[in-house]
Amino acid sequence: MNIEQAVEILRQLVTTSLLVISPILLVSMVVGLVVSLVQSVTSIQEQTLSFVPKLLAIALVLVVAAPWILRQLMQFTIMFILRIPQMVR
């Protein structure tokens, strides 16, 4: 394996990781922003009020996006396994 192959695999790994985590992160940020806005408007400063909605939203996103996430991870893994013979040369 030369340095170009290693860099390309690392680039694809980082790209796939960011692609897979982005829906979860985006939903968490939006729900956190909405809950913070509601807390500041109503002057309710309860810690569990921000945690529980985020937890439920992330669980829902994981259930909905699980097939897509698994497909992305499987594509990366298959690509990586298929490139193993090129690495040993």
PDB file of N, CA and C in Angstrom:
ATOM      1  N   MET A   1       0.854  -1.175   0.000  1.00  0.00           N
ATOM      2  CA  MET A   1       0.000   0.000   0.000  1.00  0.00           C
ATOM      3  C   MET A   1       0.896   1.232   0.000  1.00  0.00           C
ATOM      4  N   ASN A   2       0.599   2.120  -0.925  1.00  0.00           N
ATOM      5  CA  ASN A   2       1.369   3.354  -0.948  1.00  0.00           C
ATOM      6  C   ASN A   2       0.595   4.467  -0.249  1.00  0.00           C
ATOM      7  N   ILE A   3       1.212   5.604  -0.167  1.00  0.00           N
ATOM      8  CA  ILE A   3       0.632   6.702   0.597  1.00  0.00           C
ATOM      9  C   ILE A   3      -0.646   7.242  -0.059  1.00  0.00           C
ATOM     10  N   GLU A   4      -0.714   7.210  -1.390  1.00  0.00           N
ATOM     11  CA  GLU A   4      -1.903   7.712  -2.082  1.00  0.00           C
ATOM     12  C   GLU A   4      -3.122   6.844  -1.768  1.00  0.00           C
ATOM     13  N   GLN A   5      -2.937   5.534  -1.734  1.00  0.00           N
ATOM     14  CA  GLN A   5      -4.038   4.634  -1.409  1.00  0.00           C
ATOM     15  C   GLN A   5      -4.508   4.850   0.029  1.00  0.00           C
ATOM     16  N   ALA A   6      -3.563   5.012   0.932  1.00  0.00           N
ATOM     17  CA  ALA A   6      -3.916   5.227   2.335  1.00  0.00           C
ATOM     18  C   ALA A   6      -4.679   6.535   2.517  1.00  0.00           C
ATOM     19  N   VAL A   7      -4.240   7.574   1.836  1.00  0.00           N
ATOM     20  CA  VAL A   7      -4.913   8.867   1.937  1.00  0.00           C
ATOM     21  C   VAL A   7      -6.314   8.788   1.334  1.00  0.00           C
ATOM     22  N   GLU A   8      -6.459   8.085   0.214  1.00  0.00           N
ATOM     23  CA  GLU A   8      -7.778   7.940  -0.415  1.00  0.00           C
ATOM     24  C   GLU A   8      -8.739   7.166   0.481  1.00  0.00           C
ATOM     25  N   ILE A   9      -8.275   6.102   1.105  1.00  0.00           N
ATOM     26  CA  ILE A   9      -9.122   5.329   2.021  1.00  0.00           C
ATOM     27  C   ILE A   9      -9.508   6.176   3.228  1.00  0.00           C
ATOM     28  N   LEU A  10      -8.570   6.925   3.769  1.00  0.00           N
ATOM     29  CA  LEU A  10      -8.861   7.801   4.907  1.00  0.00           C
ATOM     30  C   LEU A  10      -9.866   8.884   4.519  1.00  0.00           C
ATOM     31  N   ARG A  11      -9.729   9.443   3.318  1.00  0.00           N
ATOM     32  CA  ARG A  11     -10.672  10.466   2.843  1.00  0.00           C
ATOM     33  C   ARG A  11     -12.072   9.876   2.713  1.00  0.00           C
ATOM     34  N   GLN A  12     -12.175   8.693   2.153  1.00  0.00           N
ATOM     35  CA  GLN A  12     -13.487   8.053   2.019  1.00  0.00           C
ATOM     36  C   GLN A  12     -14.065   7.693   3.380  1.00  0.00           C
ATOM     37  N   LEU A  13     -13.218   7.298   4.312  1.00  0.00           N
ATOM     38  CA  LEU A  13     -13.678   6.984   5.666  1.00  0.00           C
ATOM     39  C   LEU A  13     -14.263   8.216   6.354  1.00  0.00           C
ATOM     40  N   VAL A  14     -13.563   9.330   6.264  1.00  0.00           N
ATOM     41  CA  VAL A  14     -14.044  10.569   6.892  1.00  0.00           C
ATOM     42  C   VAL A  14     -15.326  11.048   6.211  1.00  0.00           C
ATOM     43  N   THR A  15     -15.372  10.977   4.884  1.00  0.00           N
ATOM     44  CA  THR A  15     -16.567  11.393   4.153  1.00  0.00           C
ATOM     45  C   THR A  15     -17.772  10.539   4.532  1.00  0.00           C
ATOM     46  N   THR A  16     -17.580   9.233   4.580  1.00  0.00           N
ATOM     47  CA  THR A  16     -18.670   8.332   4.950  1.00  0.00           C
ATOM     48  C   THR A  16     -19.116   8.582   6.384  1.00  0.00           C
ATOM     49  N   SER A  17     -18.175   8.796   7.276  1.00  0.00           N
ATOM     50  CA  SER A  17     -18.519   9.060   8.681  1.00  0.00           C
ATOM     51  C   SER A  17     -19.346  10.331   8.824  1.00  0.00           C
ATOM     52  N   LEU A  18     -18.924  11.386   8.159  1.00  0.00           N
ATOM     53  CA  LEU A  18     -19.676  12.644   8.233  1.00  0.00           C
ATOM     54  C   LEU A  18     -21.042  12.511   7.588  1.00  0.00           C
ATOM     55  N   LEU A  19     -21.126  11.762   6.505  1.00  0.00           N
ATOM     56  CA  LEU A  19     -22.406  11.555   5.834  1.00  0.00           C
ATOM     57  C   LEU A  19     -23.371  10.776   6.716  1.00  0.00           C
ATOM     58  N   VAL A  20     -22.865   9.771   7.414  1.00  0.00           N
ATOM     59  CA  VAL A  20     -23.716   8.928   8.259  1.00  0.00           C
ATOM     60  C   VAL A  20     -24.181   9.678   9.517  1.00  0.00           C
ATOM     61  N   ILE A  21     -23.312  10.472  10.097  1.00  0.00           N
ATOM     62  CA  ILE A  21     -23.645  11.128  11.359  1.00  0.00           C
ATOM     63  C   ILE A  21     -24.430  12.425  11.160  1.00  0.00           C
ATOM     64  N   SER A  22     -24.421  12.975   9.948  1.00  0.00           N
ATOM     65  CA  SER A  22     -25.048  14.280   9.731  1.00  0.00           C
ATOM     66  C   SER A  22     -26.553  14.324  10.027  1.00  0.00           C
ATOM     67  N   PRO A  23     -27.377  13.328   9.659  1.00  0.00           N
ATOM     68  CA  PRO A  23     -28.802  13.445  10.025  1.00  0.00           C
ATOM     69  C   PRO A  23     -29.026  13.469  11.535  1.00  0.00           C
ATOM     70  N   ILE A  24     -28.283  12.678  12.258  1.00  0.00           N
ATOM     71  CA  ILE A  24     -28.431  12.618  13.712  1.00  0.00           C
ATOM     72  C   ILE A  24     -28.007  13.950  14.334  1.00  0.00           C
ATOM     73  N   LEU A  25     -26.892  14.464  13.886  1.00  0.00           N
ATOM     74  CA  LEU A  25     -26.391  15.731  14.416  1.00  0.00           C
ATOM     75  C   LEU A  25     -27.323  16.888  14.071  1.00  0.00           C
ATOM     76  N   LEU A  26     -27.835  16.898  12.853  1.00  0.00           N
ATOM     77  CA  LEU A  26     -28.726  17.971  12.431  1.00  0.00           C
ATOM     78  C   LEU A  26     -30.020  17.976  13.239  1.00  0.00           C
ATOM     79  N   VAL A  27     -30.618  16.810  13.430  1.00  0.00           N
ATOM     80  CA  VAL A  27     -31.850  16.723  14.218  1.00  0.00           C
ATOM     81  C   VAL A  27     -31.589  17.117  15.664  1.00  0.00           C
ATOM     82  N   SER A  28     -30.483  16.688  16.208  1.00  0.00           N
ATOM     83  CA  SER A  28     -30.153  17.040  17.589  1.00  0.00           C
ATOM     84  C   SER A  28     -29.988  18.551  17.751  1.00  0.00           C
ATOM     85  N   MET A  29     -29.343  19.188  16.787  1.00  0.00           N
ATOM     86  CA  MET A  29     -29.157  20.633  16.868  1.00  0.00           C
ATOM     87  C   MET A  29     -30.480  21.384  16.730  1.00  0.00           C
ATOM     88  N   VAL A  30     -31.333  20.955  15.808  1.00  0.00           N
ATOM     89  CA  VAL A  30     -32.617  21.629  15.608  1.00  0.00           C
ATOM     90  C   VAL A  30     -33.507  21.469  16.832  1.00  0.00           C
ATOM     91  N   VAL A  31     -33.585  20.250  17.364  1.00  0.00           N
ATOM     92  CA  VAL A  31     -34.411  20.023  18.553  1.00  0.00           C
ATOM     93  C   VAL A  31     -33.850  20.807  19.735  1.00  0.00           C
ATOM     94  N   GLY A  32     -32.547  20.837  19.899  1.00  0.00           N
ATOM     95  CA  GLY A  32     -31.939  21.607  20.982  1.00  0.00           C
ATOM     96  C   GLY A  32     -32.232  23.089  20.867  1.00  0.00           C
ATOM     97  N   LEU A  33     -32.193  23.597  19.636  1.00  0.00           N
ATOM     98  CA  LEU A  33     -32.491  25.009  19.421  1.00  0.00           C
ATOM     99  C   LEU A  33     -33.956  25.323  19.738  1.00  0.00           C
ATOM    100  N   VAL A  34     -34.858  24.468  19.291  1.00  0.00           N
ATOM    101  CA  VAL A  34     -36.289  24.679  19.560  1.00  0.00           C
ATOM    102  C   VAL A  34     -36.578  24.602  21.055  1.00  0.00           C
ATOM    103  N   VAL A  35     -36.010  23.625  21.722  1.00  0.00           N
ATOM    104  CA  VAL A  35     -36.236  23.473  23.163  1.00  0.00           C
ATOM    105  C   VAL A  35     -35.646  24.664  23.918  1.00  0.00           C
ATOM    106  N   SER A  36     -34.476  25.119  23.520  1.00  0.00           N
ATOM    107  CA  SER A  36     -33.878  26.293  24.173  1.00  0.00           C
ATOM    108  C   SER A  36     -34.737  27.537  23.973  1.00  0.00           C
ATOM    109  N   LEU A  37     -35.280  27.665  22.775  1.00  0.00           N
ATOM    110  CA  LEU A  37     -36.163  28.801  22.508  1.00  0.00           C
ATOM    111  C   LEU A  37     -37.413  28.729  23.371  1.00  0.00           C
ATOM    112  N   VAL A  38     -38.003  27.558  23.477  1.00  0.00           N
ATOM    113  CA  VAL A  38     -39.193  27.384  24.318  1.00  0.00           C
ATOM    114  C   VAL A  38     -38.851  27.644  25.782  1.00  0.00           C
ATOM    115  N   GLN A  39     -37.700  27.172  26.225  1.00  0.00           N
ATOM    116  CA  GLN A  39     -37.298  27.398  27.623  1.00  0.00           C
ATOM    117  C   GLN A  39     -37.086  28.878  27.907  1.00  0.00           C
ATOM    118  N   SER A  40     -36.483  29.587  26.972  1.00  0.00           N
ATOM    119  CA  SER A  40     -36.242  31.009  27.229  1.00  0.00           C
ATOM    120  C   SER A  40     -37.538  31.821  27.168  1.00  0.00           C
ATOM    121  N   VAL A  41     -38.471  31.423  26.321  1.00  0.00           N
ATOM    122  CA  VAL A  41     -39.743  32.147  26.228  1.00  0.00           C
ATOM    123  C   VAL A  41     -40.596  31.904  27.462  1.00  0.00           C
ATOM    124  N   THR A  42     -40.605  30.672  27.952  1.00  0.00           N
ATOM    125  CA  THR A  42     -41.459  30.339  29.096  1.00  0.00           C
ATOM    126  C   THR A  42     -40.742  30.465  30.433  1.00  0.00           C
ATOM    127  N   SER A  43     -39.462  30.778  30.422  1.00  0.00           N
ATOM    128  CA  SER A  43     -38.643  30.905  31.633  1.00  0.00           C
ATOM    129  C   SER A  43     -38.607  29.622  32.463  1.00  0.00           C
ATOM    130  N   ILE A  44     -38.710  28.485  31.791  1.00  0.00           N
ATOM    131  CA  ILE A  44     -38.582  27.189  32.468  1.00  0.00           C
ATOM    132  C   ILE A  44     -37.151  26.701  32.222  1.00  0.00           C
ATOM    133  N   GLN A  45     -36.396  26.534  33.278  1.00  0.00           N
ATOM    134  CA  GLN A  45     -35.005  26.123  33.150  1.00  0.00           C
ATOM    135  C   GLN A  45     -34.795  24.718  33.714  1.00  0.00           C
ATOM    136  N   GLU A  46     -35.564  23.785  33.266  1.00  0.00           N
ATOM    137  CA  GLU A  46     -35.455  22.395  33.716  1.00  0.00           C
ATOM    138  C   GLU A  46     -34.501  21.650  32.779  1.00  0.00           C
ATOM    139  N   GLN A  47     -33.508  20.971  33.363  1.00  0.00           N
ATOM    140  CA  GLN A  47     -32.498  20.273  32.561  1.00  0.00           C
ATOM    141  C   GLN A  47     -33.072  19.098  31.784  1.00  0.00           C
ATOM    142  N   THR A  48     -34.008  18.378  32.381  1.00  0.00           N
ATOM    143  CA  THR A  48     -34.572  17.220  31.692  1.00  0.00           C
ATOM    144  C   THR A  48     -35.429  17.628  30.515  1.00  0.00           C
ATOM    145  N   LEU A  49     -35.917  18.851  30.516  1.00  0.00           N
ATOM    146  CA  LEU A  49     -36.732  19.328  29.408  1.00  0.00           C
ATOM    147  C   LEU A  49     -35.920  19.413  28.120  1.00  0.00           C
ATOM    148  N   SER A  50     -34.646  19.638  28.214  1.00  0.00           N
ATOM    149  CA  SER A  50     -33.816  19.676  27.003  1.00  0.00           C
ATOM    150  C   SER A  50     -33.290  18.290  26.634  1.00  0.00           C
ATOM    151  N   PHE A  51     -33.141  17.415  27.595  1.00  0.00           N
ATOM    152  CA  PHE A  51     -32.561  16.099  27.335  1.00  0.00           C
ATOM    153  C   PHE A  51     -33.556  15.126  26.715  1.00  0.00           C
ATOM    154  N   VAL A  52     -34.746  15.051  27.251  1.00  0.00           N
ATOM    155  CA  VAL A  52     -35.731  14.055  26.809  1.00  0.00           C
ATOM    156  C   VAL A  52     -36.167  14.269  25.358  1.00  0.00           C
ATOM    157  N   PRO A  53     -36.498  15.481  24.924  1.00  0.00           N
ATOM    158  CA  PRO A  53     -36.873  15.640  23.507  1.00  0.00           C
ATOM    159  C   PRO A  53     -35.744  15.286  22.544  1.00  0.00           C
ATOM    160  N   LYS A  54     -34.512  15.649  22.908  1.00  0.00           N
ATOM    161  CA  LYS A  54     -33.375  15.281  22.063  1.00  0.00           C
ATOM    162  C   LYS A  54     -33.222  13.775  21.978  1.00  0.00           C
ATOM    163  N   LEU A  55     -33.349  13.112  23.103  1.00  0.00           N
ATOM    164  CA  LEU A  55     -33.234  11.659  23.141  1.00  0.00           C
ATOM    165  C   LEU A  55     -34.298  11.000  22.272  1.00  0.00           C
ATOM    166  N   LEU A  56     -35.531  11.468  22.376  1.00  0.00           N
ATOM    167  CA  LEU A  56     -36.614  10.907  21.567  1.00  0.00           C
ATOM    168  C   LEU A  56     -36.423  11.198  20.076  1.00  0.00           C
ATOM    169  N   ALA A  57     -35.988  12.398  19.750  1.00  0.00           N
ATOM    170  CA  ALA A  57     -35.775  12.754  18.345  1.00  0.00           C
ATOM    171  C   ALA A  57     -34.646  11.943  17.733  1.00  0.00           C
ATOM    172  N   ILE A  58     -33.565  11.757  18.477  1.00  0.00           N
ATOM    173  CA  ILE A  58     -32.447  10.965  17.970  1.00  0.00           C
ATOM    174  C   ILE A  58     -32.855   9.509  17.802  1.00  0.00           C
ATOM    175  N   ALA A  59     -33.639   8.986  18.732  1.00  0.00           N
ATOM    176  CA  ALA A  59     -34.115   7.607  18.606  1.00  0.00           C
ATOM    177  C   ALA A  59     -34.992   7.471  17.363  1.00  0.00           C
ATOM    178  N   LEU A  60     -35.847   8.437  17.112  1.00  0.00           N
ATOM    179  CA  LEU A  60     -36.702   8.397  15.931  1.00  0.00           C
ATOM    180  C   LEU A  60     -35.877   8.469  14.647  1.00  0.00           C
ATOM    181  N   VAL A  61     -34.880   9.332  14.627  1.00  0.00           N
ATOM    182  CA  VAL A  61     -34.016   9.439  13.445  1.00  0.00           C
ATOM    183  C   VAL A  61     -33.253   8.136  13.218  1.00  0.00           C
ATOM    184  N   LEU A  62     -32.775   7.535  14.282  1.00  0.00           N
ATOM    185  CA  LEU A  62     -32.061   6.265  14.131  1.00  0.00           C
ATOM    186  C   LEU A  62     -32.966   5.171  13.578  1.00  0.00           C
ATOM    187  N   VAL A  63     -34.205   5.138  14.029  1.00  0.00           N
ATOM    188  CA  VAL A  63     -35.138   4.131  13.520  1.00  0.00           C
ATOM    189  C   VAL A  63     -35.445   4.383  12.043  1.00  0.00           C
ATOM    190  N   VAL A  64     -35.684   5.631  11.692  1.00  0.00           N
ATOM    191  CA  VAL A  64     -36.046   5.963  10.317  1.00  0.00           C
ATOM    192  C   VAL A  64     -34.845   5.825   9.370  1.00  0.00           C
ATOM    193  N   ALA A  65     -33.675   6.273   9.799  1.00  0.00           N
ATOM    194  CA  ALA A  65     -32.510   6.316   8.917  1.00  0.00           C
ATOM    195  C   ALA A  65     -31.622   5.076   9.006  1.00  0.00           C
ATOM    196  N   ALA A  66     -31.969   4.117   9.816  1.00  0.00           N
ATOM    197  CA  ALA A  66     -31.119   2.939   9.981  1.00  0.00           C
ATOM    198  C   ALA A  66     -30.850   2.191   8.677  1.00  0.00           C
ATOM    199  N   PRO A  67     -31.845   1.968   7.824  1.00  0.00           N
ATOM    200  CA  PRO A  67     -31.532   1.275   6.561  1.00  0.00           C
ATOM    201  C   PRO A  67     -30.543   2.050   5.688  1.00  0.00           C
ATOM    202  N   TRP A  68     -30.714   3.362   5.615  1.00  0.00           N
ATOM    203  CA  TRP A  68     -29.804   4.176   4.818  1.00  0.00           C
ATOM    204  C   TRP A  68     -28.392   4.175   5.417  1.00  0.00           C
ATOM    205  N   ILE A  69     -28.312   4.306   6.733  1.00  0.00           N
ATOM    206  CA  ILE A  69     -27.010   4.289   7.408  1.00  0.00           C
ATOM    207  C   ILE A  69     -26.307   2.960   7.176  1.00  0.00           C
ATOM    208  N   LEU A  70     -27.035   1.866   7.332  1.00  0.00           N
ATOM    209  CA  LEU A  70     -26.438   0.550   7.105  1.00  0.00           C
ATOM    210  C   LEU A  70     -25.998   0.376   5.660  1.00  0.00           C
ATOM    211  N   ARG A  71     -26.778   0.877   4.715  1.00  0.00           N
ATOM    212  CA  ARG A  71     -26.401   0.786   3.304  1.00  0.00           C
ATOM    213  C   ARG A  71     -25.104   1.548   3.041  1.00  0.00           C
ATOM    214  N   GLN A  72     -24.985   2.750   3.613  1.00  0.00           N
ATOM    215  CA  GLN A  72     -23.761   3.536   3.430  1.00  0.00           C
ATOM    216  C   GLN A  72     -22.550   2.821   4.021  1.00  0.00           C
ATOM    217  N   LEU A  73     -22.712   2.269   5.216  1.00  0.00           N
ATOM    218  CA  LEU A  73     -21.603   1.564   5.862  1.00  0.00           C
ATOM    219  C   LEU A  73     -21.244   0.285   5.114  1.00  0.00           C
ATOM    220  N   MET A  74     -22.249  -0.405   4.585  1.00  0.00           N
ATOM    221  CA  MET A  74     -21.978  -1.614   3.811  1.00  0.00           C
ATOM    222  C   MET A  74     -21.251  -1.284   2.514  1.00  0.00           C
ATOM    223  N   GLN A  75     -21.626  -0.203   1.848  1.00  0.00           N
ATOM    224  CA  GLN A  75     -20.935   0.196   0.616  1.00  0.00           C
ATOM    225  C   GLN A  75     -19.472   0.518   0.892  1.00  0.00           C
ATOM    226  N   PHE A  76     -19.216   1.224   1.972  1.00  0.00           N
ATOM    227  CA  PHE A  76     -17.828   1.529   2.312  1.00  0.00           C
ATOM    228  C   PHE A  76     -17.054   0.263   2.628  1.00  0.00           C
ATOM    229  N   THR A  77     -17.660  -0.638   3.392  1.00  0.00           N
ATOM    230  CA  THR A  77     -16.979  -1.873   3.768  1.00  0.00           C
ATOM    231  C   THR A  77     -16.690  -2.742   2.554  1.00  0.00           C
ATOM    232  N   ILE A  78     -17.656  -2.865   1.648  1.00  0.00           N
ATOM    233  CA  ILE A  78     -17.452  -3.652   0.436  1.00  0.00           C
ATOM    234  C   ILE A  78     -16.338  -3.039  -0.413  1.00  0.00           C
ATOM    235  N   MET A  79     -16.345  -1.723  -0.554  1.00  0.00           N
ATOM    236  CA  MET A  79     -15.292  -1.045  -1.305  1.00  0.00           C
ATOM    237  C   MET A  79     -13.926  -1.305  -0.669  1.00  0.00           C
ATOM    238  N   PHE A  80     -13.879  -1.251   0.641  1.00  0.00           N
ATOM    239  CA  PHE A  80     -12.620  -1.470   1.341  1.00  0.00           C
ATOM    240  C   PHE A  80     -12.138  -2.910   1.160  1.00  0.00           C
ATOM    241  N   ILE A  81     -13.037  -3.869   1.277  1.00  0.00           N
ATOM    242  CA  ILE A  81     -12.663  -5.281   1.128  1.00  0.00           C
ATOM    243  C   ILE A  81     -12.208  -5.568  -0.297  1.00  0.00           C
ATOM    244  N   LEU A  82     -12.864  -4.962  -1.277  1.00  0.00           N
ATOM    245  CA  LEU A  82     -12.464  -5.175  -2.666  1.00  0.00           C
ATOM    246  C   LEU A  82     -11.098  -4.561  -2.988  1.00  0.00           C
ATOM    247  N   ARG A  83     -10.685  -3.580  -2.215  1.00  0.00           N
ATOM    248  CA  ARG A  83      -9.379  -2.939  -2.452  1.00  0.00           C
ATOM    249  C   ARG A  83      -8.229  -3.644  -1.723  1.00  0.00           C
ATOM    250  N   ILE A  84      -8.522  -4.637  -0.911  1.00  0.00           N
ATOM    251  CA  ILE A  84      -7.458  -5.324  -0.171  1.00  0.00           C
ATOM    252  C   ILE A  84      -6.420  -5.950  -1.097  1.00  0.00           C
ATOM    253  N   PRO A  85      -6.807  -6.625  -2.204  1.00  0.00           N
ATOM    254  CA  PRO A  85      -5.756  -7.174  -3.086  1.00  0.00           C
ATOM    255  C   PRO A  85      -4.818  -6.121  -3.659  1.00  0.00           C
ATOM    256  N   GLN A  86      -5.310  -4.919  -3.895  1.00  0.00           N
ATOM    257  CA  GLN A  86      -4.444  -3.851  -4.399  1.00  0.00           C
ATOM    258  C   GLN A  86      -3.463  -3.376  -3.334  1.00  0.00           C
ATOM    259  N   MET A  87      -3.829  -3.535  -2.072  1.00  0.00           N
ATOM    260  CA  MET A  87      -2.981  -3.042  -0.982  1.00  0.00           C
ATOM    261  C   MET A  87      -1.764  -3.920  -0.751  1.00  0.00           C
ATOM    262  N   VAL A  88      -1.870  -5.196  -1.040  1.00  0.00           N
ATOM    263  CA  VAL A  88      -0.762  -6.100  -0.746  1.00  0.00           C
ATOM    264  C   VAL A  88       0.309  -6.090  -1.818  1.00  0.00           C
ATOM    265  N   ARG A  89       0.014  -5.533  -2.936  1.00  0.00           N
ATOM    266  CA  ARG A  89       1.033  -5.506  -4.009  1.00  0.00           C
ATOM    267  C   ARG A  89       2.174  -4.616  -3.677  1.00  0.00           C
TER     268      ARG A  89
END
